[in-house]
Protein backbone atom coordinates (compact mmCIF):
# COMPACT_ATOMS: atom_id res chain seq x y z
CA MET A 1 -21.79 -27.02 7.46
CA SER A 2 -21.76 -30.95 7.91
CA ASN A 3 -23.49 -31.35 4.10
CA GLY A 4 -20.27 -29.92 2.84
CA ASN A 5 -22.08 -27.00 1.19
CA ASN A 6 -19.78 -23.95 1.68
CA PRO A 7 -21.27 -20.44 1.70
CA PHE A 8 -17.99 -18.86 -0.10
CA ILE A 9 -17.52 -22.08 -3.11
CA LEU A 10 -21.67 -21.22 -3.64
CA PHE A 11 -21.12 -16.91 -3.79
CA LEU A 12 -17.87 -17.96 -6.40
CA ILE A 13 -20.06 -20.19 -8.51
CA LEU A 14 -22.77 -17.15 -8.23
CA ILE A 15 -20.30 -14.67 -9.54
CA LEU A 16 -18.78 -16.98 -11.94
CA LEU A 17 -22.26 -17.63 -13.03
CA VAL A 18 -23.19 -13.27 -13.87
CA VAL A 19 -19.46 -13.03 -15.05
CA GLY A 20 -20.54 -15.94 -17.81
CA THR A 21 -23.56 -14.75 -19.16
CA ASP A 22 -22.16 -11.25 -19.68
CA PRO A 23 -20.72 -10.57 -22.95
CA ASP A 24 -17.92 -7.59 -21.52
CA ALA A 25 -17.05 -9.21 -18.80
CA GLY A 26 -13.70 -10.02 -20.02
CA LYS A 27 -13.09 -6.16 -20.17
CA LYS A 28 -13.66 -5.81 -16.82
CA ILE A 29 -12.37 -7.72 -15.67
CA ASP A 30 -9.24 -6.71 -17.17
CA THR A 31 -10.31 -3.16 -16.39
CA PHE A 32 -10.92 -4.17 -12.65
CA LYS A 33 -7.06 -5.34 -12.61
CA ASN A 34 -5.69 -2.44 -13.92
CA VAL A 35 -7.42 -0.49 -11.47
CA VAL A 36 -6.43 -2.84 -8.83
CA ASP A 37 -3.07 -2.12 -10.16
CA LYS A 38 -2.71 1.56 -10.39
CA VAL A 39 -4.12 1.82 -6.72
CA THR A 40 -1.13 -0.83 -5.00
CA ALA A 41 1.12 1.32 -6.92
CA GLY A 42 -0.22 4.03 -5.59
CA VAL A 43 0.19 2.83 -2.24
CA ASP A 44 3.80 1.40 -2.48
CA ASN A 45 4.86 5.00 -3.94
CA LEU A 46 3.27 6.76 -0.63
CA LYS A 47 5.49 4.39 1.23
CA ALA A 48 8.02 5.39 -0.36
CA GLY A 49 7.42 8.90 -0.36
CA ILE A 50 6.50 8.46 4.04
CA ASN A 51 9.69 6.53 4.54
CA SER A 52 11.96 9.03 2.61
CA PHE A 53 10.16 11.91 4.36
CA LYS A 54 10.97 10.17 7.50
CA ALA A 55 14.65 9.47 6.70
CA ASP A 56 15.12 12.86 5.46
CA PHE A 57 13.85 14.53 9.19
CA GLU A 58 16.05 11.60 11.14
CA ASP A 59 18.91 13.40 9.16
CA ILE A 60 18.29 17.00 10.32
CA HIS A 61 17.84 15.64 13.74
CA PHE A 62 20.85 14.22 13.54
CA MET A 63 22.28 17.37 12.17
CA LEU A 64 20.54 19.71 14.72
CA LEU A 65 21.97 17.28 17.23
CA GLY A 66 25.45 18.06 16.02
CA LEU A 67 25.54 21.57 16.33
CA ASN A 68 24.33 21.63 19.98
CA LYS A 69 27.03 19.49 20.42
CA GLN A 70 29.00 22.03 18.85
CA ASP A 71 27.77 24.95 20.78
CA SER A 72 28.19 22.53 24.01
CA ASP A 73 32.00 22.37 23.39
CA LYS A 74 32.61 25.96 22.76
CA HIS A 75 31.10 26.43 26.32
CA ASN A 76 33.31 24.14 27.87
CA ILE A 77 36.38 26.00 26.35
């Protein structure tokens, strides 16, 4: 790497040359961007659903703990 040729830069130049010669490159890049956006939204929705699921089960856990406490209080009276 002492000569300044970074393989990543060379790869990007190759990609730009290939994209530059394709007349439908803009359409393909736009489609790829839309796919990435939809996948990102899907993953965000999945994470939100999992967090909601976790919060609901924590609520159920606390409700059941409250029932157990009420039962033990009745037996102590």
